[in-house]
Amino acid sequence: MDATTRLPGRPRQFAIDEALDKAIVVFSERGYHAASISELKEAMGLTAGSLYKAFKDKKAIFLAAFDRYKQVRNALLDQEIGVGSDGRDKVFRMLRFYAEASHGESGRRGCLVVGTAIELAVYDAEAAERVGRSMARSEALFEHLIREGQADGSISKTIDAEATARLMLSVTQGLRVLGKTGPDRDRAFAVIDAAMKLLD
């Protein structure tokens, strides 16, 4: 059932979005399999009746939470990149966006995309499609920004934009994995500084 379809007696969309934001925390911290329906119901603040009017099962909650997670994160990332001064600065801002999410409480909570890739993507086609789409978007964005920097002179024209974009994607996703162990901000940003030197 589509989480945006309004049914009689169903919570309004803003309430669903708020509930999904809470479900994201549960799934990010616990993983799909460890998160129980009762735990999700309590975290989301929905009655059992409201929960099952909105979502047919745990997987439906998870897929809707994943889509909500990407909607919010993509909007925040696009906003951050949008104020960059040139291609190089935009690449830095994108790396910084991931670094800031990879330490402290956010880091320990983890990334829903990375968690899904590890836990579900191998055997669940819907999860795999979402992970693949997310990774492809990030890699394509890195490549676009690198090429923009090569055009404006802020990034060396000698580097392979496609290969470097994939490397940057690997850096960001690796940071999210490392973040589960709680590295501090300075160590996360040391990785970003090293990655930026690859653009010279």
Protein backbone atom coordinates (compact mmCIF):
# COMPACT_ATOMS: atom_id res chain seq x y z
CA MET A 1 0.00 0.00 0.00
CA ASP A 2 1.33 3.41 -0.96
CA ALA A 3 2.17 5.41 2.16
CA THR A 4 0.93 8.61 0.48
CA THR A 5 -2.61 7.34 -0.20
CA ARG A 6 -5.16 8.80 2.22
CA LEU A 7 -7.63 6.27 3.57
CA PRO A 8 -10.51 6.84 5.99
CA GLY A 9 -9.24 6.94 9.55
CA ARG A 10 -5.64 7.01 8.47
CA PRO A 11 -3.14 9.47 9.99
CA ARG A 12 -2.48 12.54 7.85
CA GLN A 13 0.66 12.60 5.73
CA PHE A 14 2.59 14.89 8.10
CA ALA A 15 1.94 12.41 10.90
CA ILE A 16 3.10 9.55 8.69
CA ASP A 17 6.31 11.44 7.84
CA GLU A 18 6.98 12.09 11.53
CA ALA A 19 6.34 8.42 12.29
CA LEU A 20 8.67 7.33 9.48
CA ASP A 21 11.41 9.60 10.81
CA LYS A 22 11.19 7.65 14.07
CA ALA A 23 11.15 4.33 12.23
CA ILE A 24 14.34 5.38 10.43
CA VAL A 25 16.10 5.63 13.80
CA VAL A 26 14.94 2.15 14.81
CA PHE A 27 15.96 0.54 11.52
CA SER A 28 19.30 2.39 11.43
CA GLU A 29 20.22 1.39 14.97
CA ARG A 30 18.75 -2.11 15.06
CA GLY A 31 18.73 -3.27 11.47
CA TYR A 32 15.75 -4.69 9.62
CA HIS A 33 15.66 -8.14 11.16
CA ALA A 34 16.22 -7.07 14.76
CA ALA A 35 13.53 -4.37 14.67
CA SER A 36 10.20 -5.78 15.83
CA ILE A 37 6.74 -4.57 14.90
CA SER A 38 6.00 -3.78 18.54
CA GLU A 39 9.21 -1.75 18.81
CA LEU A 40 8.36 0.14 15.63
CA LYS A 41 4.79 0.77 16.77
CA GLU A 42 6.00 2.23 20.05
CA ALA A 43 8.69 4.38 18.43
CA MET A 44 6.36 5.64 15.70
CA GLY A 45 3.64 6.56 18.17
CA LEU A 46 0.93 4.78 16.18
CA THR A 47 -1.75 2.42 17.37
CA ALA A 48 -1.77 -1.05 15.85
CA GLY A 49 -4.86 -0.09 13.86
CA SER A 50 -3.28 3.06 12.44
CA LEU A 51 -0.05 1.22 11.69
CA TYR A 52 -1.75 -1.47 9.64
CA LYS A 53 -3.99 0.99 7.85
CA ALA A 54 -0.87 2.80 6.67
CA PHE A 55 1.43 -0.20 6.09
CA LYS A 56 0.58 -3.83 5.43
CA ASP A 57 3.66 -5.26 7.17
CA LYS A 58 7.16 -4.56 8.50
CA LYS A 59 8.71 -4.60 5.05
CA ALA A 60 6.29 -1.91 3.87
CA ILE A 61 7.27 0.24 6.85
CA PHE A 62 10.92 -0.33 6.05
CA LEU A 63 10.64 0.57 2.35
CA ALA A 64 8.65 3.70 3.18
CA ALA A 65 11.23 4.64 5.84
CA PHE A 66 14.05 4.11 3.34
CA ASP A 67 12.34 6.35 0.78
CA ARG A 68 11.71 9.01 3.43
CA TYR A 69 15.36 8.80 4.54
CA LYS A 70 16.60 9.34 1.00
CA GLN A 71 14.12 12.17 0.36
CA VAL A 72 15.30 14.09 3.41
CA ARG A 73 19.02 13.35 3.02
CA ASN A 74 19.05 14.17 -0.70
CA ALA A 75 17.33 17.50 -0.09
CA LEU A 76 19.85 18.42 2.63
CA LEU A 77 22.80 17.36 0.46
CA ASP A 78 21.54 19.28 -2.56
CA GLN A 79 21.09 22.37 -0.40
CA GLU A 80 24.67 22.07 0.90
CA ILE A 81 26.15 21.59 -2.56
CA GLY A 82 24.08 24.43 -3.98
CA VAL A 83 26.04 27.06 -2.07
CA GLY A 84 29.45 25.81 -3.26
CA SER A 85 31.65 28.34 -5.03
CA ASP A 86 33.10 25.99 -7.65
CA GLY A 87 33.36 22.30 -8.51
CA ARG A 88 36.11 21.61 -5.98
CA ASP A 89 34.26 23.35 -3.17
CA LYS A 90 31.12 21.38 -4.04
CA VAL A 91 33.01 18.09 -3.88
CA PHE A 92 34.38 19.13 -0.48
CA ARG A 93 30.91 20.06 0.74
CA MET A 94 29.57 16.67 -0.35
CA LEU A 95 32.41 14.85 1.43
CA ARG A 96 31.91 17.03 4.50
CA PHE A 97 28.20 16.21 4.51
CA TYR A 98 29.03 12.52 4.92
CA ALA A 99 31.86 13.16 7.37
CA GLU A 100 29.55 15.13 9.66
CA ALA A 101 27.15 12.18 9.69
CA SER A 102 29.95 9.70 10.45
CA HIS A 103 30.84 10.59 14.03
CA GLY A 104 29.07 10.99 17.35
CA GLU A 105 25.45 9.90 17.76
CA SER A 106 24.69 10.05 14.04
CA GLY A 107 27.75 7.95 13.28
CA ARG A 108 26.86 5.30 15.83
CA ARG A 109 23.27 5.18 14.56
CA GLY A 110 24.54 4.42 11.08
CA CYS A 111 23.40 4.91 7.52
CA LEU A 112 20.19 3.24 6.40
CA VAL A 113 21.55 2.79 2.88
CA VAL A 114 24.73 1.06 4.04
CA GLY A 115 22.80 -1.05 6.53
CA THR A 116 20.35 -2.12 3.82
CA ALA A 117 23.17 -2.96 1.43
CA ILE A 118 24.75 -5.23 4.03
CA GLU A 119 21.63 -6.81 5.48
CA LEU A 120 19.01 -7.03 2.72
CA ALA A 121 20.28 -6.21 -0.77
CA VAL A 122 21.69 -9.67 -1.50
CA TYR A 123 18.30 -11.41 -1.42
CA ASP A 124 15.62 -8.71 -1.54
CA ALA A 125 15.07 -7.20 -4.98
CA GLU A 126 13.19 -4.12 -3.77
CA ALA A 127 15.87 -3.29 -1.22
CA ALA A 128 18.63 -3.93 -3.77
CA GLU A 129 16.98 -1.62 -6.28
CA ARG A 130 16.76 1.19 -3.76
CA VAL A 131 20.37 0.75 -2.64
CA GLY A 132 21.56 0.63 -6.25
CA ARG A 133 19.64 3.79 -7.12
CA SER A 134 21.05 5.61 -4.10
CA MET A 135 24.64 4.61 -4.83
CA ALA A 136 24.26 5.47 -8.52
CA ARG A 137 22.91 8.92 -7.67
CA SER A 138 25.81 9.67 -5.35
CA GLU A 139 28.42 8.43 -7.79
CA ALA A 140 26.87 10.36 -10.68
CA LEU A 141 26.74 13.51 -8.55
CA PHE A 142 30.40 13.18 -7.60
CA GLU A 143 31.33 12.71 -11.26
CA HIS A 144 29.27 15.74 -12.28
CA LEU A 145 30.93 17.92 -9.63
CA ILE A 146 34.41 16.70 -10.55
CA ARG A 147 33.78 17.50 -14.22
CA GLU A 148 32.42 20.89 -13.19
CA GLY A 149 35.64 21.51 -11.28
CA GLN A 150 37.73 20.44 -14.27
CA ALA A 151 35.79 22.88 -16.43
CA ASP A 152 36.20 25.81 -14.02
CA GLY A 153 39.86 25.04 -13.28
CA SER A 154 39.48 24.12 -9.60
CA ILE A 155 40.17 20.39 -10.20
CA SER A 156 43.01 18.90 -12.24
CA LYS A 157 42.04 17.93 -15.77
CA THR A 158 44.42 14.95 -15.63
CA ILE A 159 42.38 12.86 -13.21
CA ASP A 160 39.85 10.27 -14.36
CA ALA A 161 36.51 11.79 -13.33
CA GLU A 162 34.58 8.52 -13.47
CA ALA A 163 37.09 6.48 -11.45
CA THR A 164 37.61 9.29 -8.94
CA ALA A 165 33.86 9.61 -8.46
CA ARG A 166 33.66 5.93 -7.58
CA LEU A 167 36.57 6.33 -5.18
CA MET A 168 34.83 9.28 -3.49
CA LEU A 169 31.70 7.17 -3.16
CA SER A 170 33.79 4.44 -1.53
CA VAL A 171 35.25 7.00 0.88
CA THR A 172 31.84 8.30 1.96
CA GLN A 173 30.27 4.88 2.40
CA GLY A 174 33.37 3.66 4.23
CA LEU A 175 33.11 6.58 6.59
CA ARG A 176 29.53 5.63 7.40
CA VAL A 177 30.62 2.08 8.22
CA LEU A 178 33.51 3.33 10.38
CA GLY A 179 31.13 5.73 12.07
CA LYS A 180 29.36 2.80 13.75
CA THR A 181 32.41 2.46 16.00
CA GLY A 182 32.25 6.14 16.93
CA PRO A 183 35.43 7.79 15.53
CA ASP A 184 35.79 11.45 16.43
CA ARG A 185 35.21 14.33 14.06
CA ASP A 186 38.91 15.11 13.56
CA ARG A 187 39.64 11.61 12.32
CA ALA A 188 36.69 11.67 9.95
CA PHE A 189 37.84 14.99 8.50
CA ALA A 190 41.42 13.75 8.14
CA VAL A 191 40.02 11.23 5.67
CA ILE A 192 38.25 14.02 3.78
CA ASP A 193 41.45 16.08 3.61
CA ALA A 194 43.30 13.10 2.14
CA ALA A 195 40.54 12.50 -0.40
CA MET A 196 40.59 16.14 -1.53
CA LYS A 197 44.31 15.89 -2.37
CA LEU A 198 43.36 13.40 -5.09
CA LEU A 199 41.78 16.29 -7.01
CA ASP A 200 45.11 18.17 -7.40
